């Protein structure tokens, strides 16, 4: 199994913002990526779950 990429929350939000059309979509995608384990957060939000 491949290790998920590790990003800061800001880096993840910026990357998702480049390919989404709305803020609501950005929030949904970021939460899904973090909560599903496809991306791991580093820094202050390490081990966080997003609602």
C-alpha atoms as a PDB file:
ATOM      1  CA  UNK A   1       0.000   0.000   0.000  1.00  0.00           C
ATOM      2  CA  UNK A   2       1.338   3.398  -0.971  1.00  0.00           C
ATOM      3  CA  UNK A   3       1.919   6.025   1.719  1.00  0.00           C
ATOM      4  CA  UNK A   4      -0.476   8.972   1.336  1.00  0.00           C
ATOM      5  CA  UNK A   5       1.049  12.355   0.521  1.00  0.00           C
ATOM      6  CA  UNK A   6       1.704  14.604   3.511  1.00  0.00           C
ATOM      7  CA  UNK A   7       0.734  18.259   3.159  1.00  0.00           C
ATOM      8  CA  UNK A   8      -0.068  21.212   5.338  1.00  0.00           C
ATOM      9  CA  UNK A   9      -3.729  22.177   5.366  1.00  0.00           C
ATOM     10  CA  UNK A  10      -2.866  25.380   3.503  1.00  0.00           C
ATOM     11  CA  UNK A  11      -0.997  23.492   0.762  1.00  0.00           C
ATOM     12  CA  UNK A  12      -3.921  21.096   0.360  1.00  0.00           C
ATOM     13  CA  UNK A  13      -6.479  23.920   0.178  1.00  0.00           C
ATOM     14  CA  UNK A  14      -4.401  25.777  -2.414  1.00  0.00           C
ATOM     15  CA  UNK A  15      -4.008  22.658  -4.574  1.00  0.00           C
ATOM     16  CA  UNK A  16      -7.713  21.833  -4.422  1.00  0.00           C
ATOM     17  CA  UNK A  17      -8.675  25.464  -5.150  1.00  0.00           C
ATOM     18  CA  UNK A  18      -6.819  25.265  -8.464  1.00  0.00           C
ATOM     19  CA  UNK A  19      -9.127  22.518  -9.757  1.00  0.00           C
ATOM     20  CA  UNK A  20     -12.508  23.307  -8.175  1.00  0.00           C
ATOM     21  CA  UNK A  21     -15.150  25.880  -9.076  1.00  0.00           C
ATOM     22  CA  UNK A  22     -16.625  26.873  -5.717  1.00  0.00           C
ATOM     23  CA  UNK A  23     -15.674  27.244  -2.085  1.00  0.00           C
ATOM     24  CA  UNK A  24     -18.283  24.650  -1.097  1.00  0.00           C
ATOM     25  CA  UNK A  25     -16.685  22.144  -3.463  1.00  0.00           C
ATOM     26  CA  UNK A  26     -13.227  22.941  -2.055  1.00  0.00           C
ATOM     27  CA  UNK A  27     -14.396  22.310   1.504  1.00  0.00           C
ATOM     28  CA  UNK A  28     -16.049  19.043   0.519  1.00  0.00           C
ATOM     29  CA  UNK A  29     -13.027  17.742  -1.398  1.00  0.00           C
ATOM     30  CA  UNK A  30     -10.510  18.729   1.297  1.00  0.00           C
ATOM     31  CA  UNK A  31     -12.608  17.098   4.030  1.00  0.00           C
ATOM     32  CA  UNK A  32     -13.003  13.918   1.967  1.00  0.00           C
ATOM     33  CA  UNK A  33      -9.285  13.648   1.183  1.00  0.00           C
ATOM     34  CA  UNK A  34      -8.299  14.112   4.832  1.00  0.00           C
ATOM     35  CA  UNK A  35     -11.031  11.980   6.408  1.00  0.00           C
ATOM     36  CA  UNK A  36     -10.557   9.117   3.943  1.00  0.00           C
ATOM     37  CA  UNK A  37      -6.816   8.979   4.629  1.00  0.00           C
ATOM     38  CA  UNK A  38      -5.878   9.738   1.027  1.00  0.00           C
ATOM     39  CA  UNK A  39      -3.903  12.747   2.304  1.00  0.00           C
ATOM     40  CA  UNK A  40      -2.187  13.185   5.653  1.00  0.00           C
ATOM     41  CA  UNK A  41      -1.898  16.617   7.185  1.00  0.00           C
ATOM     42  CA  UNK A  42       1.311  17.874   8.748  1.00  0.00           C
ATOM     43  CA  UNK A  43       1.849  20.776  11.099  1.00  0.00           C
ATOM     44  CA  UNK A  44      -0.846  22.114  13.434  1.00  0.00           C
ATOM     45  CA  UNK A  45      -3.596  19.967  11.899  1.00  0.00           C
ATOM     46  CA  UNK A  46      -1.700  16.661  12.030  1.00  0.00           C
ATOM     47  CA  UNK A  47      -4.089  13.799  12.891  1.00  0.00           C
ATOM     48  CA  UNK A  48      -7.123  16.091  12.498  1.00  0.00           C
ATOM     49  CA  UNK A  49     -10.495  14.923  11.231  1.00  0.00           C
ATOM     50  CA  UNK A  50     -12.542  17.538   9.378  1.00  0.00           C
ATOM     51  CA  UNK A  51     -16.305  17.960   9.530  1.00  0.00           C
END
